[in-house]
Every structure is written in structure tokens, then in C-alpha cells.
């Protein structure tokens, strides 16, 4: 079990696997579509658990996109059990996704109360990715 003194940063890495994904358009014009995406993912590695994601974005004719998301991760982080919310900013191009995210302040539950952090992920859109989270506790 990894533990940290208040404010000490810890680096976590995980593999993210997409279990399900649904995208629905809600506005279209001139080759551009506003979308809402619902995803269920699993995390393995320093982050263990499952998350539900809701993202809204803009998709272009060439299938590139930009999205903003919120997701609640339920499971374990560094041996601590609980949940937390990540706020993300994603870019999709050429079938690849790159994102940055941060832990929403005050969203930690259980042993993850006081969690803060930032990181991101890269991978093949809709197929899974490698994620990092540099985190600390307040």
C-alpha cells in the first residue's frame, strides 16, 4: 500500500479499457456535429476500478473531435478505497485520443477524501489507453 504525507505527490499509472461506449448527436451544421458520449471503463494498475464517463464534444467531418468530460472512478488508488471525479479535456485525431484531466476538488470519498491530482491519457479512441495521475492529499 502506498501512502503519502499531506501534499506529497505520488505518480500512478494505469491501463484503461473501454467496456462500452455510445455516442449520440444532438446538433448538426455544415459538416460539424455536437455529440454526447457515454462510456464505461475499467482501470488496472496503480488505479484499480471502474468509471462512468459523460462527455460532450464537437465532431468534424474528418472524424476529429474535441470533448470535455466528467467521470467518477470507483475503486482503489494506491491501496486506498473510495471514489473520485476526474474532469477531462480530450482531443481526437486520426483515431487516436489524447487528454488531460484533474481530480475535482472535494470529490473524493472513503479513503480518498482530500484527493487532488492531475494527469491524462493517450491511446486508440474507443479501444483503451495508458493513463497517468500525479496525486496528493490535502
C-alpha atoms as a PDB file:
ATOM      1  CA  UNK A   1       0.000   0.000   0.000  1.00  0.00           C
ATOM      2  CA  UNK A   2       1.345   3.383  -0.997  1.00  0.00           C
ATOM      3  CA  UNK A   3       0.750   6.217   1.421  1.00  0.00           C
ATOM      4  CA  UNK A   4       1.643   9.869   1.268  1.00  0.00           C
ATOM      5  CA  UNK A   5       2.014  12.641   3.747  1.00  0.00           C
ATOM      6  CA  UNK A   6      -0.288  15.595   3.117  1.00  0.00           C
ATOM      7  CA  UNK A   7       0.814  17.343  -0.054  1.00  0.00           C
ATOM      8  CA  UNK A   8       3.375  14.687  -1.092  1.00  0.00           C
ATOM      9  CA  UNK A   9       2.904  13.833  -4.790  1.00  0.00           C
ATOM     10  CA  UNK A  10       2.661  10.246  -5.989  1.00  0.00           C
ATOM     11  CA  UNK A  11       2.798   9.116  -9.636  1.00  0.00           C
ATOM     12  CA  UNK A  12       0.229   6.491 -10.675  1.00  0.00           C
ATOM     13  CA  UNK A  13      -0.081   4.646 -13.984  1.00  0.00           C
ATOM     14  CA  UNK A  14      -2.952   2.519 -15.248  1.00  0.00           C
ATOM     15  CA  UNK A  15      -4.337   0.820 -18.306  1.00  0.00           C
ATOM     16  CA  UNK A  16      -7.825   1.990 -19.210  1.00  0.00           C
ATOM     17  CA  UNK A  17     -10.070  -0.455 -21.080  1.00  0.00           C
ATOM     18  CA  UNK A  18     -13.359   0.640 -22.632  1.00  0.00           C
ATOM     19  CA  UNK A  19     -16.192  -1.767 -21.716  1.00  0.00           C
ATOM     20  CA  UNK A  20     -18.932   0.134 -23.556  1.00  0.00           C
ATOM     21  CA  UNK A  21     -19.341   3.369 -25.479  1.00  0.00           C
ATOM     22  CA  UNK A  22     -22.372   5.117 -27.004  1.00  0.00           C
ATOM     23  CA  UNK A  23     -22.374   8.412 -28.874  1.00  0.00           C
ATOM     24  CA  UNK A  24     -25.454  10.401 -29.843  1.00  0.00           C
ATOM     25  CA  UNK A  25     -25.559  13.597 -31.907  1.00  0.00           C
ATOM     26  CA  UNK A  26     -27.663  16.463 -30.622  1.00  0.00           C
ATOM     27  CA  UNK A  27     -26.948  19.276 -33.131  1.00  0.00           C
ATOM     28  CA  UNK A  28     -25.566  19.361 -36.686  1.00  0.00           C
ATOM     29  CA  UNK A  29     -24.495  22.018 -39.182  1.00  0.00           C
ATOM     30  CA  UNK A  30     -22.124  22.270 -42.156  1.00  0.00           C
ATOM     31  CA  UNK A  31     -20.269  19.016 -41.508  1.00  0.00           C
ATOM     32  CA  UNK A  32     -19.983  19.585 -37.761  1.00  0.00           C
ATOM     33  CA  UNK A  33     -21.876  17.674 -35.064  1.00  0.00           C
ATOM     34  CA  UNK A  34     -22.283  18.253 -31.349  1.00  0.00           C
ATOM     35  CA  UNK A  35     -22.224  14.906 -29.545  1.00  0.00           C
ATOM     36  CA  UNK A  36     -22.810  13.347 -26.158  1.00  0.00           C
ATOM     37  CA  UNK A  37     -20.817  10.209 -25.343  1.00  0.00           C
ATOM     38  CA  UNK A  38     -21.395   7.709 -22.520  1.00  0.00           C
ATOM     39  CA  UNK A  39     -18.530   5.364 -21.669  1.00  0.00           C
ATOM     40  CA  UNK A  40     -17.924   2.666 -19.053  1.00  0.00           C
ATOM     41  CA  UNK A  41     -14.228   1.910 -18.435  1.00  0.00           C
ATOM     42  CA  UNK A  42     -12.078  -0.269 -16.222  1.00  0.00           C
ATOM     43  CA  UNK A  43      -8.729   0.783 -14.747  1.00  0.00           C
ATOM     44  CA  UNK A  44      -5.922  -1.675 -13.924  1.00  0.00           C
ATOM     45  CA  UNK A  45      -2.571  -0.824 -12.392  1.00  0.00           C
ATOM     46  CA  UNK A  46      -1.970   1.791  -9.698  1.00  0.00           C
ATOM     47  CA  UNK A  47      -5.622   2.752 -10.233  1.00  0.00           C
ATOM     48  CA  UNK A  48      -7.968  -0.250  -9.951  1.00  0.00           C
ATOM     49  CA  UNK A  49     -11.669   0.093 -10.567  1.00  0.00           C
ATOM     50  CA  UNK A  50     -14.399   1.188 -12.915  1.00  0.00           C
ATOM     51  CA  UNK A  51     -15.610   4.550 -14.125  1.00  0.00           C
ATOM     52  CA  UNK A  52     -18.626   6.016 -15.828  1.00  0.00           C
ATOM     53  CA  UNK A  53     -17.904   8.884 -18.218  1.00  0.00           C
ATOM     54  CA  UNK A  54     -20.136  11.541 -19.716  1.00  0.00           C
ATOM     55  CA  UNK A  55     -18.540  13.669 -22.422  1.00  0.00           C
ATOM     56  CA  UNK A  56     -19.813  16.401 -24.680  1.00  0.00           C
ATOM     57  CA  UNK A  57     -17.962  17.404 -27.756  1.00  0.00           C
ATOM     58  CA  UNK A  58     -17.676  18.648 -31.276  1.00  0.00           C
ATOM     59  CA  UNK A  59     -17.023  16.146 -34.084  1.00  0.00           C
ATOM     60  CA  UNK A  60     -15.913  17.261 -37.544  1.00  0.00           C
ATOM     61  CA  UNK A  61     -16.458  15.583 -40.955  1.00  0.00           C
ATOM     62  CA  UNK A  62     -12.948  14.083 -40.823  1.00  0.00           C
ATOM     63  CA  UNK A  63     -13.921  12.357 -37.501  1.00  0.00           C
ATOM     64  CA  UNK A  64     -11.563  14.552 -35.474  1.00  0.00           C
ATOM     65  CA  UNK A  65     -13.131  15.885 -32.294  1.00  0.00           C
ATOM     66  CA  UNK A  66     -12.672  17.782 -29.079  1.00  0.00           C
ATOM     67  CA  UNK A  67     -14.530  16.846 -25.899  1.00  0.00           C
ATOM     68  CA  UNK A  68     -14.901  17.795 -22.264  1.00  0.00           C
ATOM     69  CA  UNK A  69     -15.799  15.115 -19.762  1.00  0.00           C
ATOM     70  CA  UNK A  70     -16.613  14.210 -16.193  1.00  0.00           C
ATOM     71  CA  UNK A  71     -16.108  10.716 -14.876  1.00  0.00           C
ATOM     72  CA  UNK A  72     -16.462   9.078 -11.490  1.00  0.00           C
ATOM     73  CA  UNK A  73     -13.842   6.443 -10.722  1.00  0.00           C
ATOM     74  CA  UNK A  74     -14.825   3.870  -8.079  1.00  0.00           C
ATOM     75  CA  UNK A  75     -12.174   1.531  -6.713  1.00  0.00           C
ATOM     76  CA  UNK A  76      -8.642   1.752  -5.364  1.00  0.00           C
ATOM     77  CA  UNK A  77      -5.854   4.285  -5.810  1.00  0.00           C
ATOM     78  CA  UNK A  78      -2.508   3.471  -4.232  1.00  0.00           C
ATOM     79  CA  UNK A  79      -4.162   0.939  -1.900  1.00  0.00           C
ATOM     80  CA  UNK A  80      -6.862   3.373  -0.735  1.00  0.00           C
ATOM     81  CA  UNK A  81     -10.530   2.574  -1.413  1.00  0.00           C
ATOM     82  CA  UNK A  82     -13.139   5.110  -2.440  1.00  0.00           C
ATOM     83  CA  UNK A  83     -14.181   7.175  -5.426  1.00  0.00           C
ATOM     84  CA  UNK A  84     -13.291  10.473  -7.080  1.00  0.00           C
ATOM     85  CA  UNK A  85     -14.291  12.567 -10.085  1.00  0.00           C
ATOM     86  CA  UNK A  86     -11.997  13.466 -12.978  1.00  0.00           C
ATOM     87  CA  UNK A  87     -12.638  16.454 -15.243  1.00  0.00           C
ATOM     88  CA  UNK A  88     -11.103  15.949 -18.681  1.00  0.00           C
ATOM     89  CA  UNK A  89     -10.261  17.756 -21.913  1.00  0.00           C
ATOM     90  CA  UNK A  90      -9.841  15.354 -24.853  1.00  0.00           C
ATOM     91  CA  UNK A  91      -8.691  15.711 -28.471  1.00  0.00           C
ATOM     92  CA  UNK A  92      -9.278  13.020 -31.099  1.00  0.00           C
ATOM     93  CA  UNK A  93      -7.451  12.919 -34.438  1.00  0.00           C
ATOM     94  CA  UNK A  94      -6.541  10.046 -36.753  1.00  0.00           C
ATOM     95  CA  UNK A  95      -8.256   7.521 -34.471  1.00  0.00           C
ATOM     96  CA  UNK A  96      -6.042   8.493 -31.518  1.00  0.00           C
ATOM     97  CA  UNK A  97      -7.130  10.253 -28.332  1.00  0.00           C
ATOM     98  CA  UNK A  98      -5.009  12.460 -26.067  1.00  0.00           C
ATOM     99  CA  UNK A  99      -6.333  14.018 -22.903  1.00  0.00           C
ATOM    100  CA  UNK A 100      -5.513  15.894 -19.768  1.00  0.00           C
ATOM    101  CA  UNK A 101      -7.557  15.654 -16.593  1.00  0.00           C
ATOM    102  CA  UNK A 102      -7.652  16.751 -12.980  1.00  0.00           C
ATOM    103  CA  UNK A 103      -9.328  15.487  -9.813  1.00  0.00           C
ATOM    104  CA  UNK A 104     -12.314  17.670  -8.950  1.00  0.00           C
ATOM    105  CA  UNK A 105     -11.628  19.182  -5.542  1.00  0.00           C
ATOM    106  CA  UNK A 106     -13.861  17.751  -2.815  1.00  0.00           C
ATOM    107  CA  UNK A 107     -14.995  14.762  -4.903  1.00  0.00           C
ATOM    108  CA  UNK A 108     -13.015  12.076  -3.039  1.00  0.00           C
ATOM    109  CA  UNK A 109     -14.918   9.596  -0.875  1.00  0.00           C
ATOM    110  CA  UNK A 110     -13.857   6.942   1.636  1.00  0.00           C
ATOM    111  CA  UNK A 111     -10.078   6.668   1.990  1.00  0.00           C
ATOM    112  CA  UNK A 112      -9.728   9.076  -0.974  1.00  0.00           C
ATOM    113  CA  UNK A 113     -11.144  12.112   0.833  1.00  0.00           C
ATOM    114  CA  UNK A 114      -8.901  15.119   0.246  1.00  0.00           C
ATOM    115  CA  UNK A 115      -7.558  13.684  -3.031  1.00  0.00           C
ATOM    116  CA  UNK A 116      -6.158  16.134  -5.589  1.00  0.00           C
ATOM    117  CA  UNK A 117      -4.283  15.367  -8.770  1.00  0.00           C
ATOM    118  CA  UNK A 118      -3.693  15.857 -12.465  1.00  0.00           C
ATOM    119  CA  UNK A 119      -2.633  13.724 -15.379  1.00  0.00           C
ATOM    120  CA  UNK A 120      -4.027  12.366 -18.596  1.00  0.00           C
ATOM    121  CA  UNK A 121      -4.085   9.563 -21.083  1.00  0.00           C
ATOM    122  CA  UNK A 122      -3.289   8.625 -24.670  1.00  0.00           C
ATOM    123  CA  UNK A 123      -4.479   5.747 -26.813  1.00  0.00           C
ATOM    124  CA  UNK A 124      -6.706   4.484 -29.592  1.00  0.00           C
ATOM    125  CA  UNK A 125     -10.127   6.135 -29.382  1.00  0.00           C
ATOM    126  CA  UNK A 126     -12.764   3.747 -28.038  1.00  0.00           C
ATOM    127  CA  UNK A 127     -10.271   0.924 -27.521  1.00  0.00           C
ATOM    128  CA  UNK A 128      -8.299   1.833 -24.408  1.00  0.00           C
ATOM    129  CA  UNK A 129      -5.354   3.872 -23.293  1.00  0.00           C
ATOM    130  CA  UNK A 130      -2.443   4.384 -20.908  1.00  0.00           C
ATOM    131  CA  UNK A 131      -3.237   6.814 -18.133  1.00  0.00           C
ATOM    132  CA  UNK A 132      -1.240   8.711 -15.540  1.00  0.00           C
ATOM    133  CA  UNK A 133      -2.286  10.566 -12.429  1.00  0.00           C
ATOM    134  CA  UNK A 134       0.082  12.580 -10.233  1.00  0.00           C
ATOM    135  CA  UNK A 135      -1.841  12.886  -6.985  1.00  0.00           C
ATOM    136  CA  UNK A 136      -1.643  14.127  -3.420  1.00  0.00           C
ATOM    137  CA  UNK A 137      -3.886  14.616  -0.415  1.00  0.00           C
ATOM    138  CA  UNK A 138      -4.829  17.875   1.231  1.00  0.00           C
END
